[in-house]
PDB file of N, CA and C in Angstrom:
ATOM      1  N   MET A   1       5.516  25.598  64.173  1.00  0.00           N
ATOM      2  CA  MET A   1       4.713  24.608  63.481  1.00  0.00           C
ATOM      3  C   MET A   1       5.183  24.311  62.051  1.00  0.00           C
ATOM      4  N   PRO A   2       5.684  25.311  61.286  1.00  0.00           N
ATOM      5  CA  PRO A   2       6.107  24.997  59.924  1.00  0.00           C
ATOM      6  C   PRO A   2       7.194  23.933  59.880  1.00  0.00           C
ATOM      7  N   GLU A   3       8.008  23.844  60.944  1.00  0.00           N
ATOM      8  CA  GLU A   3       9.071  22.846  60.922  1.00  0.00           C
ATOM      9  C   GLU A   3       8.541  21.423  60.896  1.00  0.00           C
ATOM     10  N   ASN A   4       7.282  21.208  61.254  1.00  0.00           N
ATOM     11  CA  ASN A   4       6.691  19.874  61.193  1.00  0.00           C
ATOM     12  C   ASN A   4       6.494  19.403  59.756  1.00  0.00           C
ATOM     13  N   PHE A   5       6.462  20.368  58.827  1.00  0.00           N
ATOM     14  CA  PHE A   5       6.233  20.020  57.426  1.00  0.00           C
ATOM     15  C   PHE A   5       7.527  19.869  56.640  1.00  0.00           C
ATOM     16  N   LEU A   6       8.639  20.195  57.206  1.00  0.00           N
ATOM     17  CA  LEU A   6       9.920  20.054  56.530  1.00  0.00           C
ATOM     18  C   LEU A   6      10.428  18.630  56.674  1.00  0.00           C
ATOM     19  N   ALA A   7      11.081  18.152  55.633  1.00  0.00           N
ATOM     20  CA  ALA A   7      11.632  16.796  55.680  1.00  0.00           C
ATOM     21  C   ALA A   7      12.811  16.756  56.623  1.00  0.00           C
ATOM     22  N   ASN A   8      12.938  15.664  57.312  1.00  0.00           N
ATOM     23  CA  ASN A   8      14.060  15.457  58.213  1.00  0.00           C
ATOM     24  C   ASN A   8      15.236  14.968  57.371  1.00  0.00           C
ATOM     25  N   PRO A   9      16.329  15.733  57.265  1.00  0.00           N
ATOM     26  CA  PRO A   9      17.451  15.316  56.417  1.00  0.00           C
ATOM     27  C   PRO A   9      18.011  13.954  56.790  1.00  0.00           C
ATOM     28  N   ALA A  10      17.944  13.568  58.033  1.00  0.00           N
ATOM     29  CA  ALA A  10      18.477  12.267  58.453  1.00  0.00           C
ATOM     30  C   ALA A  10      17.623  11.129  57.916  1.00  0.00           C
ATOM     31  N   SER A  11      16.348  11.380  57.633  1.00  0.00           N
ATOM     32  CA  SER A  11      15.474  10.310  57.148  1.00  0.00           C
ATOM     33  C   SER A  11      15.355  10.291  55.632  1.00  0.00           C
ATOM     34  N   THR A  12      16.001  11.242  54.947  1.00  0.00           N
ATOM     35  CA  THR A  12      15.949  11.287  53.495  1.00  0.00           C
ATOM     36  C   THR A  12      16.889  10.227  52.929  1.00  0.00           C
ATOM     37  N   PRO A  13      16.388   9.320  52.068  1.00  0.00           N
ATOM     38  CA  PRO A  13      17.258   8.284  51.509  1.00  0.00           C
ATOM     39  C   PRO A  13      18.312   8.889  50.576  1.00  0.00           C
ATOM     40  N   VAL A  14      19.490   8.325  50.603  1.00  0.00           N
ATOM     41  CA  VAL A  14      20.589   8.780  49.765  1.00  0.00           C
ATOM     42  C   VAL A  14      20.992   7.616  48.877  1.00  0.00           C
ATOM     43  N   LEU A  15      21.139   7.892  47.573  1.00  0.00           N
ATOM     44  CA  LEU A  15      21.577   6.850  46.644  1.00  0.00           C
ATOM     45  C   LEU A  15      23.083   6.690  46.761  1.00  0.00           C
ATOM     46  N   ALA A  16      23.525   5.471  46.946  1.00  0.00           N
ATOM     47  CA  ALA A  16      24.952   5.209  47.092  1.00  0.00           C
ATOM     48  C   ALA A  16      25.666   5.257  45.747  1.00  0.00           C
ATOM     49  N   MET A  17      24.962   4.856  44.664  1.00  0.00           N
ATOM     50  CA  MET A  17      25.569   4.827  43.343  1.00  0.00           C
ATOM     51  C   MET A  17      24.679   5.592  42.384  1.00  0.00           C
ATOM     52  N   PRO A  18      25.261   6.286  41.410  1.00  0.00           N
ATOM     53  CA  PRO A  18      24.430   6.973  40.431  1.00  0.00           C
ATOM     54  C   PRO A  18      23.662   5.961  39.585  1.00  0.00           C
ATOM     55  N   VAL A  19      22.479   6.337  39.214  1.00  0.00           N
ATOM     56  CA  VAL A  19      21.646   5.471  38.392  1.00  0.00           C
ATOM     57  C   VAL A  19      22.111   5.598  36.950  1.00  0.00           C
ATOM     58  N   ALA A  20      22.398   4.478  36.324  1.00  0.00           N
ATOM     59  CA  ALA A  20      22.838   4.479  34.937  1.00  0.00           C
ATOM     60  C   ALA A  20      21.641   4.681  34.021  1.00  0.00           C
ATOM     61  N   VAL A  21      21.789   5.616  33.108  1.00  0.00           N
ATOM     62  CA  VAL A  21      20.745   5.881  32.122  1.00  0.00           C
ATOM     63  C   VAL A  21      21.163   5.206  30.832  1.00  0.00           C
ATOM     64  N   ALA A  22      20.271   4.415  30.274  1.00  0.00           N
ATOM     65  CA  ALA A  22      20.579   3.706  29.035  1.00  0.00           C
ATOM     66  C   ALA A  22      20.738   4.710  27.897  1.00  0.00           C
ATOM     67  N   GLU A  23      21.840   4.599  27.174  1.00  0.00           N
ATOM     68  CA  GLU A  23      22.077   5.459  26.030  1.00  0.00           C
ATOM     69  C   GLU A  23      21.251   4.948  24.850  1.00  0.00           C
ATOM     70  N   PRO A  24      20.569   5.835  24.151  1.00  0.00           N
ATOM     71  CA  PRO A  24      19.827   5.388  22.977  1.00  0.00           C
ATOM     72  C   PRO A  24      20.798   4.900  21.897  1.00  0.00           C
ATOM     73  N   GLN A  25      20.408   3.890  21.199  1.00  0.00           N
ATOM     74  CA  GLN A  25      21.244   3.320  20.149  1.00  0.00           C
ATOM     75  C   GLN A  25      21.046   4.102  18.851  1.00  0.00           C
ATOM     76  N   ARG A  26      22.135   4.534  18.256  1.00  0.00           N
ATOM     77  CA  ARG A  26      22.083   5.225  16.968  1.00  0.00           C
ATOM     78  C   ARG A  26      22.759   4.343  15.924  1.00  0.00           C
ATOM     79  N   GLU A  27      22.043   4.080  14.862  1.00  0.00           N
ATOM     80  CA  GLU A  27      22.571   3.224  13.797  1.00  0.00           C
ATOM     81  C   GLU A  27      22.830   4.070  12.559  1.00  0.00           C
ATOM     82  N   PRO A  28      24.047   4.006  12.003  1.00  0.00           N
ATOM     83  CA  PRO A  28      24.325   4.815  10.816  1.00  0.00           C
ATOM     84  C   PRO A  28      23.650   4.233   9.583  1.00  0.00           C
ATOM     85  N   ILE A  29      23.164   5.130   8.760  1.00  0.00           N
ATOM     86  CA  ILE A  29      22.625   4.758   7.452  1.00  0.00           C
ATOM     87  C   ILE A  29      23.239   5.708   6.436  1.00  0.00           C
ATOM     88  N   LYS A  30      23.577   5.197   5.270  1.00  0.00           N
ATOM     89  CA  LYS A  30      24.248   5.998   4.249  1.00  0.00           C
ATOM     90  C   LYS A  30      23.356   6.132   3.021  1.00  0.00           C
ATOM     91  N   VAL A  31      23.262   7.362   2.529  1.00  0.00           N
ATOM     92  CA  VAL A  31      22.510   7.652   1.315  1.00  0.00           C
ATOM     93  C   VAL A  31      23.541   8.061   0.268  1.00  0.00           C
ATOM     94  N   LEU A  32      23.533   7.383  -0.867  1.00  0.00           N
ATOM     95  CA  LEU A  32      24.545   7.610  -1.901  1.00  0.00           C
ATOM     96  C   LEU A  32      23.870   8.082  -3.182  1.00  0.00           C
ATOM     97  N   LEU A  33      24.370   9.195  -3.718  1.00  0.00           N
ATOM     98  CA  LEU A  33      23.897   9.700  -5.006  1.00  0.00           C
ATOM     99  C   LEU A  33      25.018   9.528  -6.021  1.00  0.00           C
ATOM    100  N   ILE A  34      24.688   8.971  -7.178  1.00  0.00           N
ATOM    101  CA  ILE A  34      25.663   8.778  -8.251  1.00  0.00           C
ATOM    102  C   ILE A  34      25.030   9.271  -9.542  1.00  0.00           C
ATOM    103  N   GLY A  35      25.775  10.101 -10.269  1.00  0.00           N
ATOM    104  CA  GLY A  35      25.281  10.617 -11.545  1.00  0.00           C
ATOM    105  C   GLY A  35      26.169  11.733 -12.033  1.00  0.00           C
ATOM    106  N   SER A  36      25.650  12.500 -12.976  1.00  0.00           N
ATOM    107  CA  SER A  36      26.408  13.643 -13.472  1.00  0.00           C
ATOM    108  C   SER A  36      26.496  14.691 -12.364  1.00  0.00           C
ATOM    109  N   PRO A  37      27.495  15.547 -12.407  1.00  0.00           N
ATOM    110  CA  PRO A  37      27.591  16.592 -11.379  1.00  0.00           C
ATOM    111  C   PRO A  37      26.312  17.424 -11.276  1.00  0.00           C
ATOM    112  N   LYS A  38      25.710  17.733 -12.400  1.00  0.00           N
ATOM    113  CA  LYS A  38      24.476  18.533 -12.411  1.00  0.00           C
ATOM    114  C   LYS A  38      23.329  17.772 -11.737  1.00  0.00           C
ATOM    115  N   ALA A  39      23.188  16.487 -12.036  1.00  0.00           N
ATOM    116  CA  ALA A  39      22.096  15.692 -11.470  1.00  0.00           C
ATOM    117  C   ALA A  39      22.272  15.492  -9.963  1.00  0.00           C
ATOM    118  N   VAL A  40      23.491  15.223  -9.527  1.00  0.00           N
ATOM    119  CA  VAL A  40      23.746  15.001  -8.099  1.00  0.00           C
ATOM    120  C   VAL A  40      23.508  16.300  -7.326  1.00  0.00           C
ATOM    121  N   THR A  41      24.050  17.409  -7.835  1.00  0.00           N
ATOM    122  CA  THR A  41      23.862  18.705  -7.169  1.00  0.00           C
ATOM    123  C   THR A  41      22.391  19.088  -7.120  1.00  0.00           C
ATOM    124  N   SER A  42      21.688  18.881  -8.201  1.00  0.00           N
ATOM    125  CA  SER A  42      20.260  19.199  -8.255  1.00  0.00           C
ATOM    126  C   SER A  42      19.463  18.360  -7.254  1.00  0.00           C
ATOM    127  N   THR A  43      19.803  17.091  -7.140  1.00  0.00           N
ATOM    128  CA  THR A  43      19.106  16.206  -6.202  1.00  0.00           C
ATOM    129  C   THR A  43      19.393  16.609  -4.757  1.00  0.00           C
ATOM    130  N   ILE A  44      20.630  16.990  -4.475  1.00  0.00           N
ATOM    131  CA  ILE A  44      20.973  17.454  -3.122  1.00  0.00           C
ATOM    132  C   ILE A  44      20.139  18.679  -2.767  1.00  0.00           C
ATOM    133  N   HIS A  45      20.009  19.615  -3.702  1.00  0.00           N
ATOM    134  CA  HIS A  45      19.212  20.820  -3.453  1.00  0.00           C
ATOM    135  C   HIS A  45      17.718  20.497  -3.341  1.00  0.00           C
ATOM    136  N   SER A  46      17.248  19.551  -4.125  1.00  0.00           N
ATOM    137  CA  SER A  46      15.838  19.142  -4.015  1.00  0.00           C
ATOM    138  C   SER A  46      15.554  18.510  -2.658  1.00  0.00           C
ATOM    139  N   LEU A  47      16.470  17.673  -2.192  1.00  0.00           N
ATOM    140  CA  LEU A  47      16.304  17.047  -0.878  1.00  0.00           C
ATOM    141  C   LEU A  47      16.372  18.084   0.247  1.00  0.00           C
ATOM    142  N   TYR A  48      17.168  19.134   0.041  1.00  0.00           N
ATOM    143  CA  TYR A  48      17.204  20.224   1.014  1.00  0.00           C
ATOM    144  C   TYR A  48      15.842  20.931   1.063  1.00  0.00           C
ATOM    145  N   CYS A  49      15.256  21.189  -0.093  1.00  0.00           N
ATOM    146  CA  CYS A  49      13.935  21.842  -0.145  1.00  0.00           C
ATOM    147  C   CYS A  49      12.862  20.993   0.532  1.00  0.00           C
ATOM    148  N   LEU A  50      13.031  19.690   0.516  1.00  0.00           N
ATOM    149  CA  LEU A  50      12.098  18.779   1.190  1.00  0.00           C
ATOM    150  C   LEU A  50      12.437  18.602   2.670  1.00  0.00           C
ATOM    151  N   ARG A  51      13.459  19.334   3.148  1.00  0.00           N
ATOM    152  CA  ARG A  51      13.924  19.275   4.539  1.00  0.00           C
ATOM    153  C   ARG A  51      14.481  17.899   4.919  1.00  0.00           C
ATOM    154  N   PHE A  52      15.028  17.216   3.930  1.00  0.00           N
ATOM    155  CA  PHE A  52      15.618  15.907   4.185  1.00  0.00           C
ATOM    156  C   PHE A  52      17.003  16.042   4.803  1.00  0.00           C
ATOM    157  N   ALA A  53      17.811  16.968   4.263  1.00  0.00           N
ATOM    158  CA  ALA A  53      19.172  17.165   4.768  1.00  0.00           C
ATOM    159  C   ALA A  53      19.679  18.520   4.319  1.00  0.00           C
ATOM    160  N   GLU A  54      20.551  19.088   5.132  1.00  0.00           N
ATOM    161  CA  GLU A  54      21.213  20.334   4.763  1.00  0.00           C
ATOM    162  C   GLU A  54      22.209  20.049   3.637  1.00  0.00           C
ATOM    163  N   VAL A  55      22.406  21.023   2.776  1.00  0.00           N
ATOM    164  CA  VAL A  55      23.333  20.853   1.654  1.00  0.00           C
ATOM    165  C   VAL A  55      24.739  20.541   2.168  1.00  0.00           C
ATOM    166  N   GLY A  56      25.159  21.179   3.237  1.00  0.00           N
ATOM    167  CA  GLY A  56      26.500  20.983   3.776  1.00  0.00           C
ATOM    168  C   GLY A  56      26.730  19.645   4.453  1.00  0.00           C
ATOM    169  N   GLU A  57      25.672  18.860   4.651  1.00  0.00           N
ATOM    170  CA  GLU A  57      25.827  17.546   5.276  1.00  0.00           C
ATOM    171  C   GLU A  57      26.316  16.488   4.283  1.00  0.00           C
ATOM    172  N   TRP A  58      26.209  16.769   3.003  1.00  0.00           N
ATOM    173  CA  TRP A  58      26.654  15.838   1.971  1.00  0.00           C
ATOM    174  C   TRP A  58      28.154  15.964   1.772  1.00  0.00           C
ATOM    175  N   SER A  59      28.780  14.881   1.365  1.00  0.00           N
ATOM    176  CA  SER A  59      30.213  14.934   1.066  1.00  0.00           C
ATOM    177  C   SER A  59      30.413  15.764  -0.203  1.00  0.00           C
ATOM    178  N   PRO A  60      31.645  16.226  -0.415  1.00  0.00           N
ATOM    179  CA  PRO A  60      31.929  16.888  -1.701  1.00  0.00           C
ATOM    180  C   PRO A  60      31.719  15.899  -2.846  1.00  0.00           C
ATOM    181  N   LEU A  61      31.514  16.432  -4.036  1.00  0.00           N
ATOM    182  CA  LEU A  61      31.366  15.558  -5.198  1.00  0.00           C
ATOM    183  C   LEU A  61      32.688  14.843  -5.455  1.00  0.00           C
ATOM    184  N   LEU A  62      32.615  13.527  -5.518  1.00  0.00           N
ATOM    185  CA  LEU A  62      33.802  12.697  -5.723  1.00  0.00           C
ATOM    186  C   LEU A  62      33.683  11.983  -7.063  1.00  0.00           C
ATOM    187  N   PRO A  63      34.757  11.953  -7.857  1.00  0.00           N
ATOM    188  CA  PRO A  63      34.686  11.272  -9.152  1.00  0.00           C
ATOM    189  C   PRO A  63      34.564   9.763  -8.978  1.00  0.00           C
ATOM    190  N   THR A  64      33.854   9.137  -9.901  1.00  0.00           N
ATOM    191  CA  THR A  64      33.770   7.677  -9.930  1.00  0.00           C
ATOM    192  C   THR A  64      34.707   7.179 -11.033  1.00  0.00           C
ATOM    193  N   GLN A  65      34.670   5.887 -11.291  1.00  0.00           N
ATOM    194  CA  GLN A  65      35.502   5.321 -12.356  1.00  0.00           C
ATOM    195  C   GLN A  65      34.961   5.679 -13.736  1.00  0.00           C
ATOM    196  N   ASN A  66      33.697   6.064 -13.801  1.00  0.00           N
ATOM    197  CA  ASN A  66      33.098   6.396 -15.087  1.00  0.00           C
ATOM    198  C   ASN A  66      33.313   7.876 -15.406  1.00  0.00           C
ATOM    199  N   PRO A  67      33.773   8.186 -16.597  1.00  0.00           N
ATOM    200  CA  PRO A  67      34.003   9.584 -16.967  1.00  0.00           C
ATOM    201  C   PRO A  67      32.715  10.409 -16.881  1.00  0.00           C
ATOM    202  N   GLY A  68      32.828  11.604 -16.325  1.00  0.00           N
ATOM    203  CA  GLY A  68      31.676  12.495 -16.233  1.00  0.00           C
ATOM    204  C   GLY A  68      30.692  12.142 -15.122  1.00  0.00           C
ATOM    205  N   GLU A  69      31.048  11.183 -14.291  1.00  0.00           N
ATOM    206  CA  GLU A  69      30.150  10.734 -13.220  1.00  0.00           C
ATOM    207  C   GLU A  69      30.780  11.038 -11.859  1.00  0.00           C
ATOM    208  N   VAL A  70      29.945  11.504 -10.920  1.00  0.00           N
ATOM    209  CA  VAL A  70      30.413  11.793  -9.560  1.00  0.00           C
ATOM    210  C   VAL A  70      29.479  11.125  -8.568  1.00  0.00           C
ATOM    211  N   MET A  71      29.912  11.151  -7.305  1.00  0.00           N
ATOM    212  CA  MET A  71      29.056  10.629  -6.241  1.00  0.00           C
ATOM    213  C   MET A  71      29.170  11.541  -5.029  1.00  0.00           C
ATOM    214  N   SER A  72      28.143  11.490  -4.197  1.00  0.00           N
ATOM    215  CA  SER A  72      28.129  12.214  -2.932  1.00  0.00           C
ATOM    216  C   SER A  72      27.398  11.334  -1.932  1.00  0.00           C
ATOM    217  N   ILE A  73      27.849  11.365  -0.684  1.00  0.00           N
ATOM    218  CA  ILE A  73      27.270  10.493   0.332  1.00  0.00           C
ATOM    219  C   ILE A  73      26.823  11.324   1.530  1.00  0.00           C
ATOM    220  N   LEU A  74      25.739  10.885   2.129  1.00  0.00           N
ATOM    221  CA  LEU A  74      25.217  11.483   3.354  1.00  0.00           C
ATOM    222  C   LEU A  74      25.111  10.368   4.389  1.00  0.00           C
ATOM    223  N   VAL A  75      25.660  10.599   5.566  1.00  0.00           N
ATOM    224  CA  VAL A  75      25.564   9.611   6.641  1.00  0.00           C
ATOM    225  C   VAL A  75      24.656  10.184   7.708  1.00  0.00           C
ATOM    226  N   ARG A  76      23.614   9.439   8.027  1.00  0.00           N
ATOM    227  CA  ARG A  76      22.681   9.807   9.094  1.00  0.00           C
ATOM    228  C   ARG A  76      22.770   8.761  10.187  1.00  0.00           C
ATOM    229  N   ARG A  77      22.540   9.165  11.400  1.00  0.00           N
ATOM    230  CA  ARG A  77      22.504   8.235  12.533  1.00  0.00           C
ATOM    231  C   ARG A  77      21.083   8.210  13.062  1.00  0.00           C
ATOM    232  N   LEU A  78      20.413   7.090  12.822  1.00  0.00           N
ATOM    233  CA  LEU A  78      19.020   6.951  13.220  1.00  0.00           C
ATOM    234  C   LEU A  78      18.930   6.455  14.652  1.00  0.00           C
ATOM    235  N   LEU A  79      17.997   6.986  15.365  1.00  0.00           N
ATOM    236  CA  LEU A  79      17.797   6.619  16.772  1.00  0.00           C
ATOM    237  C   LEU A  79      16.861   5.429  16.849  1.00  0.00           C
ATOM    238  N   PHE A  80      17.323   4.352  17.524  1.00  0.00           N
ATOM    239  CA  PHE A  80      16.493   3.174  17.708  1.00  0.00           C
ATOM    240  C   PHE A  80      16.346   2.890  19.170  1.00  0.00           C
TER     241      PHE A  80
END
């Protein structure tokens, strides 16, 4: 009697092609900090404390054209 409750493999539908799953779209956004090395580093650490981004996710401090000024960039990919 238990065999009456089992599915008949011959009657089980088979998909001929795999179903395509839509990939979520990720859009890059860039956050740029420009200022003195102390101000940029301090802001990166403050944003880390707020759980905005890990310190290591920021680029190294890069000099700008202005003396004593640096910049650092963070690229995030937002899911849409």
